[in-house]
N, C-alpha and C. Protein backbone atom coordinates (compact mmCIF):
# COMPACT_ATOMS: atom_id res chain seq x y z
N MET A 1 0.92 -1.36 0.02
CA MET A 1 -0.11 0.01 -0.03
C MET A 1 0.88 1.27 -0.01
N ARG A 2 0.76 2.00 -0.81
CA ARG A 2 1.37 3.39 -1.07
C ARG A 2 0.86 4.59 0.03
N HIS A 3 1.81 5.02 0.50
CA HIS A 3 1.38 6.10 1.29
C HIS A 3 1.23 7.24 0.90
N ASN A 4 0.36 8.07 1.29
CA ASN A 4 0.35 9.57 0.69
C ASN A 4 1.43 10.21 1.28
N THR A 5 2.51 10.35 0.64
CA THR A 5 3.59 11.16 0.91
C THR A 5 3.41 12.59 1.46
N GLU A 6 2.60 13.30 0.85
CA GLU A 6 2.35 14.76 1.17
C GLU A 6 1.61 14.78 2.48
N LYS A 7 0.67 13.85 2.92
CA LYS A 7 0.18 13.67 4.22
C LYS A 7 1.09 13.34 5.26
N LEU A 8 2.13 12.43 5.20
CA LEU A 8 3.11 12.26 5.94
C LEU A 8 3.86 13.38 6.19
N LYS A 9 4.24 14.17 4.98
CA LYS A 9 5.21 15.44 5.43
C LYS A 9 4.46 16.42 6.19
N THR A 10 3.15 16.57 6.10
CA THR A 10 2.32 17.59 6.72
C THR A 10 2.34 17.14 8.11
N GLU A 11 2.31 15.87 8.44
CA GLU A 11 1.92 15.43 9.98
C GLU A 11 3.52 15.61 10.45
N MET A 12 4.51 15.65 9.94
CA MET A 12 5.70 15.71 10.48
C MET A 12 6.30 17.08 10.52
N LYS A 13 5.32 18.07 10.17
CA LYS A 13 5.45 19.55 10.54
C LYS A 13 5.21 20.02 11.67
N THR A 14 5.84 20.99 12.28
CA THR A 14 5.42 21.51 13.47
C THR A 14 5.46 23.06 13.28
N LYS A 15 4.76 23.75 14.10
CA LYS A 15 4.68 25.28 13.95
C LYS A 15 5.84 25.82 14.98
N SER A 16 6.62 26.67 14.63
CA SER A 16 7.38 27.40 15.54
C SER A 16 6.89 28.53 15.97
N ASN A 17 7.72 29.41 16.89
CA ASN A 17 6.95 30.40 17.52
C ASN A 17 6.83 31.67 16.49
N GLY A 18 7.58 31.87 15.25
CA GLY A 18 7.25 32.76 14.29
C GLY A 18 6.05 32.35 13.47
N GLY A 19 5.59 31.25 13.68
CA GLY A 19 4.31 31.00 12.95
C GLY A 19 4.60 30.04 11.63
N SER A 20 5.72 30.21 11.13
CA SER A 20 6.25 29.51 10.16
C SER A 20 6.06 28.05 10.16
N ILE A 21 6.29 26.89 9.13
CA ILE A 21 6.01 25.69 9.53
C ILE A 21 7.59 25.25 9.08
N LYS A 22 8.13 24.15 9.96
CA LYS A 22 9.36 23.68 9.74
C LYS A 22 9.20 22.22 10.04
N ALA A 23 10.10 21.32 9.22
CA ALA A 23 10.07 19.96 9.50
C ALA A 23 11.01 19.71 10.58
N ASN A 24 10.65 18.52 11.21
CA ASN A 24 11.38 18.04 12.47
C ASN A 24 12.71 17.73 12.00
N LYS A 25 13.63 17.88 12.64
CA LYS A 25 15.21 17.73 12.17
C LYS A 25 15.48 16.14 12.63
N HIS A 26 15.87 15.46 11.35
CA HIS A 26 16.29 14.02 11.94
C HIS A 26 17.48 14.06 12.38
N VAL A 27 17.81 13.18 13.54
CA VAL A 27 18.95 13.15 14.16
C VAL A 27 19.54 11.74 13.96
N PRO A 28 20.70 11.43 13.38
CA PRO A 28 21.27 10.26 13.10
C PRO A 28 21.42 9.54 14.20
N GLN A 29 21.22 8.34 14.37
CA GLN A 29 21.34 7.45 15.48
C GLN A 29 22.55 6.28 15.01
N ARG A 30 23.59 6.08 16.01
CA ARG A 30 24.64 5.02 15.82
C ARG A 30 24.64 3.98 17.11
N THR A 31 25.28 2.95 16.97
CA THR A 31 25.25 2.13 18.08
C THR A 31 26.57 1.75 18.61
N CYS A 32 26.82 1.97 19.96
CA CYS A 32 28.11 1.86 20.44
C CYS A 32 28.72 0.54 20.21
N ILE A 33 29.90 0.30 20.07
CA ILE A 33 30.38 -1.09 19.82
C ILE A 33 30.82 -1.67 21.17
N GLY A 34 30.92 -0.98 22.23
CA GLY A 34 31.04 -1.35 23.33
C GLY A 34 29.75 -1.83 24.17
N CYS A 35 28.87 -1.12 24.55
CA CYS A 35 27.64 -1.30 25.19
C CYS A 35 26.43 -1.66 24.11
N ARG A 36 26.71 -1.62 23.13
CA ARG A 36 25.73 -1.76 22.21
C ARG A 36 24.23 -0.98 22.12
N LYS A 37 24.50 0.09 22.94
CA LYS A 37 23.20 1.21 22.92
C LYS A 37 23.20 1.83 21.87
N SER A 38 21.93 2.26 21.20
CA SER A 38 21.81 3.12 20.33
C SER A 38 21.75 4.82 20.93
N LYS A 39 22.49 5.55 20.28
CA LYS A 39 22.74 6.99 20.53
C LYS A 39 22.62 7.99 19.71
N ASP A 40 22.48 9.18 19.93
CA ASP A 40 22.66 10.43 18.81
C ASP A 40 24.25 10.26 18.39
N LYS A 41 24.47 10.21 17.09
CA LYS A 41 25.72 10.25 16.48
C LYS A 41 26.79 11.31 17.16
N SER A 42 25.95 12.42 17.45
CA SER A 42 26.99 13.61 18.20
C SER A 42 27.30 13.10 19.55
N GLU A 43 26.85 12.35 20.21
CA GLU A 43 27.04 11.84 21.65
C GLU A 43 28.26 10.67 21.41
N LEU A 44 28.62 10.22 20.36
CA LEU A 44 29.42 9.17 20.33
C LEU A 44 30.90 9.67 19.59
N LEU A 45 31.94 8.94 19.94
CA LEU A 45 33.32 9.26 19.32
C LEU A 45 33.27 8.15 18.03
N ARG A 46 33.95 8.48 16.93
CA ARG A 46 34.31 7.72 15.69
C ARG A 46 35.58 7.46 15.79
N ILE A 47 35.71 6.04 15.70
CA ILE A 47 36.94 5.36 15.69
C ILE A 47 37.03 4.95 14.08
N VAL A 48 38.33 5.06 13.34
CA VAL A 48 38.30 4.70 11.94
C VAL A 48 39.57 3.87 11.78
N CYS A 49 39.54 3.06 10.78
CA CYS A 49 40.74 2.14 10.35
C CYS A 49 41.04 2.83 9.14
N GLY A 50 42.20 3.50 8.96
CA GLY A 50 42.67 4.27 7.77
C GLY A 50 43.13 3.18 6.57
N GLU A 51 43.57 3.70 5.52
CA GLU A 51 44.18 3.19 4.50
C GLU A 51 45.57 2.36 4.99
N ASP A 52 46.38 2.82 5.54
CA ASP A 52 47.40 2.20 6.21
C ASP A 52 47.19 1.17 7.06
N GLY A 53 46.15 0.98 7.72
CA GLY A 53 45.64 -0.07 8.81
C GLY A 53 45.92 0.50 10.29
N SER A 54 46.13 1.56 10.32
CA SER A 54 46.23 2.17 11.72
C SER A 54 44.84 2.81 12.19
N VAL A 55 44.63 2.58 13.41
CA VAL A 55 43.41 2.79 14.11
C VAL A 55 43.46 4.05 14.90
N THR A 56 42.48 5.08 14.63
CA THR A 56 42.57 6.45 15.33
C THR A 56 41.21 6.94 15.60
N VAL A 57 41.08 7.99 16.42
CA VAL A 57 39.80 8.54 16.44
C VAL A 57 39.58 9.67 15.42
N ASP A 58 38.73 9.62 14.88
CA ASP A 58 37.97 10.52 13.94
C ASP A 58 37.40 11.67 14.25
N GLU A 59 38.36 12.75 14.24
CA GLU A 59 37.73 14.28 15.09
C GLU A 59 36.69 14.73 14.01
N SER A 60 36.96 14.70 12.67
CA SER A 60 35.99 15.23 11.93
C SER A 60 34.69 14.39 11.60
N MET A 61 34.66 13.32 12.00
CA MET A 61 33.35 12.30 11.82
C MET A 61 33.22 11.74 10.48
N LYS A 62 34.22 12.25 9.54
CA LYS A 62 33.99 12.33 8.14
C LYS A 62 35.08 11.42 7.60
N ALA A 63 36.16 11.16 8.18
CA ALA A 63 37.45 10.49 7.54
C ALA A 63 37.20 9.46 6.72
N PRO A 64 37.78 9.26 5.65
CA PRO A 64 37.79 7.92 4.93
C PRO A 64 38.14 6.78 5.56
N GLY A 65 37.70 5.59 5.18
CA GLY A 65 37.87 4.35 6.05
C GLY A 65 36.92 3.82 6.65
N ARG A 66 36.77 2.45 7.16
CA ARG A 66 35.76 1.91 7.94
C ARG A 66 35.83 2.48 8.92
N GLY A 67 34.64 2.86 9.53
CA GLY A 67 34.38 3.47 11.13
C GLY A 67 33.71 2.76 12.14
N ALA A 68 33.66 3.10 13.15
CA ALA A 68 32.74 2.44 14.34
C ALA A 68 32.66 3.61 15.38
N TYR A 69 31.61 3.37 15.97
CA TYR A 69 31.17 4.30 17.12
C TYR A 69 31.11 3.85 18.48
N ILE A 70 31.87 4.82 19.42
CA ILE A 70 32.01 4.38 20.99
C ILE A 70 31.45 5.43 21.43
N CYS A 71 30.90 5.09 22.89
CA CYS A 71 30.72 6.05 23.96
C CYS A 71 31.71 6.79 24.56
N LYS A 72 31.45 7.85 24.71
CA LYS A 72 32.66 8.86 25.33
C LYS A 72 32.74 8.28 26.89
N ASP A 73 33.07 6.89 27.28
CA ASP A 73 33.17 6.30 28.46
C ASP A 73 34.01 5.14 28.32
N MET A 74 35.12 5.59 29.30
CA MET A 74 36.11 4.26 29.00
C MET A 74 35.69 2.88 29.41
N SER A 75 34.62 2.93 30.12
CA SER A 75 33.82 1.49 30.32
C SER A 75 33.40 0.60 29.13
N CYS A 76 33.13 1.67 28.31
CA CYS A 76 32.90 0.86 26.88
C CYS A 76 33.92 0.57 26.01
N PHE A 77 34.98 1.41 26.06
CA PHE A 77 36.12 1.01 25.54
C PHE A 77 36.78 -0.34 25.99
N ASP A 78 36.88 -0.40 27.36
CA ASP A 78 37.14 -1.50 27.82
C ASP A 78 36.49 -2.79 27.57
N ARG A 79 35.14 -2.80 27.38
CA ARG A 79 34.22 -3.85 27.04
C ARG A 79 34.66 -4.04 25.70
N ALA A 80 34.83 -3.04 24.78
CA ALA A 80 34.90 -3.22 23.33
C ALA A 80 36.18 -4.14 23.14
N VAL A 81 37.25 -3.74 23.79
CA VAL A 81 38.58 -4.46 23.76
C VAL A 81 38.59 -5.92 24.41
N LYS A 82 37.55 -5.93 25.37
CA LYS A 82 37.62 -7.38 25.95
C LYS A 82 36.78 -8.23 25.16
N THR A 83 35.97 -7.80 24.35
CA THR A 83 35.05 -8.60 23.42
C THR A 83 35.69 -8.59 21.91
N LYS A 84 36.68 -8.02 21.88
CA LYS A 84 37.28 -7.67 20.48
C LYS A 84 36.14 -7.30 19.60
N ALA A 85 35.47 -6.16 19.80
CA ALA A 85 34.42 -5.49 19.19
C ALA A 85 35.04 -4.66 18.22
N ILE A 86 36.34 -4.10 18.44
CA ILE A 86 36.94 -3.12 17.71
C ILE A 86 37.35 -3.81 16.47
N GLU A 87 37.97 -4.88 16.55
CA GLU A 87 38.38 -5.70 15.48
C GLU A 87 37.49 -6.13 14.71
N ARG A 88 36.29 -6.61 14.97
CA ARG A 88 35.07 -7.08 14.52
C ARG A 88 34.54 -5.88 13.42
N ALA A 89 34.31 -4.96 14.40
CA ALA A 89 33.43 -3.73 13.70
C ALA A 89 34.38 -2.87 12.55
N LEU A 90 35.85 -3.22 12.64
CA LEU A 90 36.60 -2.53 11.79
C LEU A 90 37.26 -3.54 10.77
N LYS A 91 36.84 -4.85 11.00
CA LYS A 91 37.34 -6.02 10.16
C LYS A 91 38.73 -5.92 10.14
N LEU A 92 39.30 -5.94 11.15
CA LEU A 92 40.78 -6.15 11.36
C LEU A 92 41.08 -7.57 11.84
N THR A 93 42.55 -7.95 11.64
CA THR A 93 42.78 -9.28 12.14
C THR A 93 43.16 -8.97 13.58
N ALA A 94 42.35 -10.15 14.29
CA ALA A 94 42.56 -10.16 15.90
C ALA A 94 43.93 -10.11 16.35
N GLY A 95 44.15 -9.34 17.35
CA GLY A 95 45.28 -8.97 18.06
C GLY A 95 46.60 -8.28 17.63
N LYS A 96 45.93 -7.53 16.34
CA LYS A 96 46.93 -6.74 15.74
C LYS A 96 46.72 -5.27 16.10
N THR A 97 45.74 -5.04 16.86
CA THR A 97 45.27 -3.69 17.13
C THR A 97 46.05 -2.86 18.32
N ASP A 98 46.60 -2.04 18.15
CA ASP A 98 47.35 -1.51 19.07
C ASP A 98 46.38 -0.56 19.94
N THR A 99 45.64 -1.09 21.14
CA THR A 99 44.76 -0.58 21.77
C THR A 99 45.61 0.68 22.99
N LYS A 100 46.75 0.48 23.30
CA LYS A 100 47.26 1.48 23.87
C LYS A 100 47.23 2.94 23.59
N ASP A 101 47.64 3.12 22.25
CA ASP A 101 47.58 4.28 21.41
C ASP A 101 46.16 4.77 21.37
N LEU A 102 45.10 3.79 21.05
CA LEU A 102 43.88 4.15 20.79
C LEU A 102 43.26 4.42 22.29
N ARG A 103 43.55 4.04 23.28
CA ARG A 103 43.26 4.45 24.58
C ARG A 103 43.41 5.79 24.94
N ALA A 104 44.77 6.02 24.57
CA ALA A 104 45.05 7.45 24.97
C ALA A 104 44.56 8.63 24.22
N LEU A 105 44.54 8.22 22.86
CA LEU A 105 43.58 9.03 22.10
C LEU A 105 41.94 9.25 22.49
N ILE A 106 41.58 8.41 23.20
CA ILE A 106 40.11 8.43 23.41
C ILE A 106 40.01 9.09 24.75
N GLU A 107 40.90 8.64 25.39
CA GLU A 107 40.96 9.20 26.94
C GLU A 107 41.11 10.82 26.77
N ALA A 108 42.26 11.43 25.92
CA ALA A 108 42.23 12.79 25.69
C ALA A 108 41.16 13.49 25.14
N ARG A 109 40.52 12.82 24.16
CA ARG A 109 39.21 13.12 23.40
C ARG A 109 38.07 13.50 24.60
N ILE A 110 37.98 12.45 25.49
CA ILE A 110 36.92 12.52 26.61
C ILE A 110 37.39 13.71 27.44
N GLU A 111 38.66 13.89 27.84
CA GLU A 111 38.96 15.00 28.67
C GLU A 111 38.68 16.61 28.04
N VAL A 112 38.84 16.47 26.72
CA VAL A 112 38.48 17.81 26.00
C VAL A 112 37.05 17.88 25.99
N ASN A 113 36.19 16.85 25.85
CA ASN A 113 34.80 17.08 25.81
C ASN A 113 34.25 17.34 27.42
N ALA A 114 34.96 16.98 28.34
CA ALA A 114 34.56 17.20 29.69
C ALA A 114 34.87 18.88 29.94
N GLU A 115 35.98 19.42 29.52
CA GLU A 115 36.26 20.82 29.61
C GLU A 115 35.39 21.83 29.02
N SER A 116 34.96 21.17 27.89
CA SER A 116 33.94 21.95 27.07
C SER A 116 32.31 22.41 27.50
């Protein structure tokens, strides 16, 4: 059954204080590889495997390469390391990921967000 798209668009619109009609803004959702909870994309950190095979935190959230998302919480990172979720999500060979450097990058990023 085809939906009437015009009707759906009208139902999604809300009035703002100025009296004009605006569509509700879609907020992208991503799943944390540590705790497996779905959250707003802006609430998570993106880790990416670059072309050279190095794993790093993606500050721009748009870097090329295979990416995965993780909460801004070290317990999620620890769980992802323990369950090898980072290797699975980034399709890396198990045991070849240097988590010490990645841990330091994530901790630094969490501290920057806490200060802001």
